[in-house]
Amino acid sequence: MKTTKQWFDELPEPYRTQALVNCYSNEYCDTLADALFDSFAWGKTTQGMLYWQELHDMIVSGVSLPLPQPDLAQLVREYFAARDQSWDDSLNGIGRQMEQYYVAEMALRKAVGL
């Protein structure tokens, strides 16, 4: 026998986090299906009654839980944002180095009277 939260730790994401956020009790339960059924009011969650009913039915029937599909558009946006930030950081670093060389060169020219 495990607590509700111990059962929820066995769920894949995002079900795990969603269930833990919605959970208002940490009672002992015999099964994951019982923990899901007894720990919060499904209809009062942002996911809604049907979402949790479908998850519960999959658990009871022994079906493997589907993993969420990645949002490919979001992955592409994140890739380009990271790449662009990397380029910006590189260019800013080069710009700072060139500015330091320029300041040093101007000081040297001034020192020798050029």
C-alpha atoms as a PDB file:
ATOM      1  CA  MET A   1       0.000   0.000   0.000  1.00  0.00           C
ATOM      2  CA  LYS A   2       1.291   3.450  -0.961  1.00  0.00           C
ATOM      3  CA  THR A   3       0.251   7.032  -0.427  1.00  0.00           C
ATOM      4  CA  THR A   4      -1.491   8.935  -3.181  1.00  0.00           C
ATOM      5  CA  LYS A   5       1.627  10.966  -3.888  1.00  0.00           C
ATOM      6  CA  GLN A   6       3.794   7.841  -4.003  1.00  0.00           C
ATOM      7  CA  TRP A   7       1.447   6.399  -6.634  1.00  0.00           C
ATOM      8  CA  PHE A   8       1.522   9.656  -8.620  1.00  0.00           C
ATOM      9  CA  ASP A   9       5.327   9.552  -8.672  1.00  0.00           C
ATOM     10  CA  GLU A  10       4.986   6.487 -10.912  1.00  0.00           C
ATOM     11  CA  LEU A  11       3.104   8.411 -13.605  1.00  0.00           C
ATOM     12  CA  PRO A  12       4.979   9.752 -16.629  1.00  0.00           C
ATOM     13  CA  GLU A  13       5.042  13.493 -17.192  1.00  0.00           C
ATOM     14  CA  PRO A  14       2.935  15.558 -17.555  1.00  0.00           C
ATOM     15  CA  TYR A  15       0.408  13.364 -15.717  1.00  0.00           C
ATOM     16  CA  ARG A  16       2.628  13.111 -12.649  1.00  0.00           C
ATOM     17  CA  THR A  17       2.990  16.845 -12.091  1.00  0.00           C
ATOM     18  CA  GLN A  18      -0.634  17.570 -12.973  1.00  0.00           C
ATOM     19  CA  ALA A  19      -1.894  14.966 -10.523  1.00  0.00           C
ATOM     20  CA  LEU A  20       0.429  16.171  -7.759  1.00  0.00           C
ATOM     21  CA  VAL A  21      -0.657  19.785  -8.277  1.00  0.00           C
ATOM     22  CA  ASN A  22      -4.349  18.854  -8.128  1.00  0.00           C
ATOM     23  CA  CYS A  23      -4.008  16.426  -5.215  1.00  0.00           C
ATOM     24  CA  TYR A  24      -5.562  17.563  -1.942  1.00  0.00           C
ATOM     25  CA  SER A  25      -5.050  14.394   0.072  1.00  0.00           C
ATOM     26  CA  ASN A  26      -2.229  11.950   0.639  1.00  0.00           C
ATOM     27  CA  GLU A  27      -4.170   8.941   1.852  1.00  0.00           C
ATOM     28  CA  TYR A  28      -3.030   5.352   1.511  1.00  0.00           C
ATOM     29  CA  CYS A  29      -4.435   3.558  -1.540  1.00  0.00           C
ATOM     30  CA  ASP A  30      -4.179   0.047  -2.928  1.00  0.00           C
ATOM     31  CA  THR A  31      -3.738   1.023  -6.581  1.00  0.00           C
ATOM     32  CA  LEU A  32      -2.795   3.942  -8.791  1.00  0.00           C
ATOM     33  CA  ALA A  33      -6.359   3.974 -10.155  1.00  0.00           C
ATOM     34  CA  ASP A  34      -7.735   4.324  -6.598  1.00  0.00           C
ATOM     35  CA  ALA A  35      -5.265   7.111  -5.827  1.00  0.00           C
ATOM     36  CA  LEU A  36      -6.304   9.001  -8.944  1.00  0.00           C
ATOM     37  CA  PHE A  37     -10.000   8.478  -8.292  1.00  0.00           C
ATOM     38  CA  ASP A  38      -9.946   9.535  -4.628  1.00  0.00           C
ATOM     39  CA  SER A  39      -7.425  12.383  -4.428  1.00  0.00           C
ATOM     40  CA  PHE A  40      -9.109  15.330  -6.189  1.00  0.00           C
ATOM     41  CA  ALA A  41     -12.254  16.478  -7.976  1.00  0.00           C
ATOM     42  CA  TRP A  42     -11.498  15.927 -11.639  1.00  0.00           C
ATOM     43  CA  GLY A  43     -14.089  18.406 -12.876  1.00  0.00           C
ATOM     44  CA  LYS A  44     -12.528  21.235 -10.878  1.00  0.00           C
ATOM     45  CA  THR A  45      -9.106  20.934 -12.505  1.00  0.00           C
ATOM     46  CA  THR A  46      -7.810  22.849 -15.498  1.00  0.00           C
ATOM     47  CA  GLN A  47      -7.521  19.545 -17.379  1.00  0.00           C
ATOM     48  CA  GLY A  48     -11.181  18.726 -16.834  1.00  0.00           C
ATOM     49  CA  MET A  49     -13.243  15.659 -16.035  1.00  0.00           C
ATOM     50  CA  LEU A  50     -12.798  13.888 -19.390  1.00  0.00           C
ATOM     51  CA  TYR A  51      -8.993  14.146 -19.255  1.00  0.00           C
ATOM     52  CA  TRP A  52      -8.803  12.388 -15.879  1.00  0.00           C
ATOM     53  CA  GLN A  53     -11.526   9.874 -16.769  1.00  0.00           C
ATOM     54  CA  GLU A  54      -9.571   8.805 -19.856  1.00  0.00           C
ATOM     55  CA  LEU A  55      -6.357   8.514 -17.848  1.00  0.00           C
ATOM     56  CA  HIS A  56      -8.143   6.506 -15.150  1.00  0.00           C
ATOM     57  CA  ASP A  57      -9.668   4.179 -17.761  1.00  0.00           C
ATOM     58  CA  MET A  58      -6.252   3.569 -19.351  1.00  0.00           C
ATOM     59  CA  ILE A  59      -4.766   2.744 -15.946  1.00  0.00           C
ATOM     60  CA  VAL A  60      -7.617   0.355 -15.062  1.00  0.00           C
ATOM     61  CA  SER A  61      -7.420  -1.390 -18.439  1.00  0.00           C
ATOM     62  CA  GLY A  62      -3.627  -1.747 -18.224  1.00  0.00           C
ATOM     63  CA  VAL A  63      -2.993   0.244 -21.392  1.00  0.00           C
ATOM     64  CA  SER A  64       0.405   1.913 -21.579  1.00  0.00           C
ATOM     65  CA  LEU A  65       0.045   5.597 -20.940  1.00  0.00           C
ATOM     66  CA  PRO A  66       0.773   7.705 -24.003  1.00  0.00           C
ATOM     67  CA  LEU A  67       3.661  10.063 -23.677  1.00  0.00           C
ATOM     68  CA  PRO A  68       2.851  13.576 -24.796  1.00  0.00           C
ATOM     69  CA  GLN A  69       4.035  14.428 -28.280  1.00  0.00           C
ATOM     70  CA  PRO A  70       6.551  17.247 -28.433  1.00  0.00           C
ATOM     71  CA  ASP A  71       5.422  20.510 -29.950  1.00  0.00           C
ATOM     72  CA  LEU A  72       7.748  20.569 -32.948  1.00  0.00           C
ATOM     73  CA  ALA A  73       7.128  24.243 -33.663  1.00  0.00           C
ATOM     74  CA  GLN A  74       8.097  25.082 -30.070  1.00  0.00           C
ATOM     75  CA  LEU A  75      11.226  22.933 -30.322  1.00  0.00           C
ATOM     76  CA  VAL A  76      12.269  24.759 -33.503  1.00  0.00           C
ATOM     77  CA  ARG A  77      11.631  28.157 -31.860  1.00  0.00           C
ATOM     78  CA  GLU A  78      13.698  27.141 -28.823  1.00  0.00           C
ATOM     79  CA  TYR A  79      16.521  25.867 -31.040  1.00  0.00           C
ATOM     80  CA  PHE A  80      16.747  29.087 -33.031  1.00  0.00           C
ATOM     81  CA  ALA A  81      16.412  31.248 -29.930  1.00  0.00           C
ATOM     82  CA  ALA A  82      19.308  29.378 -28.284  1.00  0.00           C
ATOM     83  CA  ARG A  83      21.389  29.552 -31.465  1.00  0.00           C
ATOM     84  CA  ASP A  84      20.680  33.263 -31.925  1.00  0.00           C
ATOM     85  CA  GLN A  85      21.555  33.941 -28.285  1.00  0.00           C
ATOM     86  CA  SER A  86      24.784  32.021 -28.738  1.00  0.00           C
ATOM     87  CA  TRP A  87      25.659  34.129 -31.797  1.00  0.00           C
ATOM     88  CA  ASP A  88      24.751  37.330 -29.944  1.00  0.00           C
ATOM     89  CA  ASP A  89      26.928  36.312 -27.006  1.00  0.00           C
ATOM     90  CA  SER A  90      29.822  35.481 -29.353  1.00  0.00           C
ATOM     91  CA  LEU A  91      29.535  38.747 -31.268  1.00  0.00           C
ATOM     92  CA  ASN A  92      29.243  40.758 -28.067  1.00  0.00           C
ATOM     93  CA  GLY A  93      32.356  39.057 -26.739  1.00  0.00           C
ATOM     94  CA  ILE A  94      34.277  39.789 -29.934  1.00  0.00           C
ATOM     95  CA  GLY A  95      33.052  43.391 -29.843  1.00  0.00           C
ATOM     96  CA  ARG A  96      34.297  43.825 -26.278  1.00  0.00           C
ATOM     97  CA  GLN A  97      37.696  42.368 -27.178  1.00  0.00           C
ATOM     98  CA  MET A  98      38.019  44.634 -30.218  1.00  0.00           C
ATOM     99  CA  GLU A  99      37.090  47.658 -28.112  1.00  0.00           C
ATOM    100  CA  GLN A 100      39.825  46.763 -25.621  1.00  0.00           C
ATOM    101  CA  TYR A 101      42.388  46.453 -28.458  1.00  0.00           C
ATOM    102  CA  TYR A 102      41.233  49.778 -29.911  1.00  0.00           C
ATOM    103  CA  VAL A 103      41.584  51.553 -26.538  1.00  0.00           C
ATOM    104  CA  ALA A 104      45.049  50.030 -26.072  1.00  0.00           C
ATOM    105  CA  GLU A 105      46.094  51.020 -29.609  1.00  0.00           C
ATOM    106  CA  MET A 106      44.884  54.604 -29.116  1.00  0.00           C
ATOM    107  CA  ALA A 107      46.783  54.849 -25.822  1.00  0.00           C
ATOM    108  CA  LEU A 108      49.931  53.534 -27.521  1.00  0.00           C
ATOM    109  CA  ARG A 109      49.575  55.986 -30.433  1.00  0.00           C
ATOM    110  CA  LYS A 110      49.122  58.857 -27.988  1.00  0.00           C
ATOM    111  CA  ALA A 111      52.157  57.744 -25.998  1.00  0.00           C
ATOM    112  CA  VAL A 112      54.401  57.744 -29.064  1.00  0.00           C
ATOM    113  CA  GLY A 113      52.916  60.946 -30.489  1.00  0.00           C
ATOM    114  CA  LEU A 114      50.943  59.564 -33.444  1.00  0.00           C
END
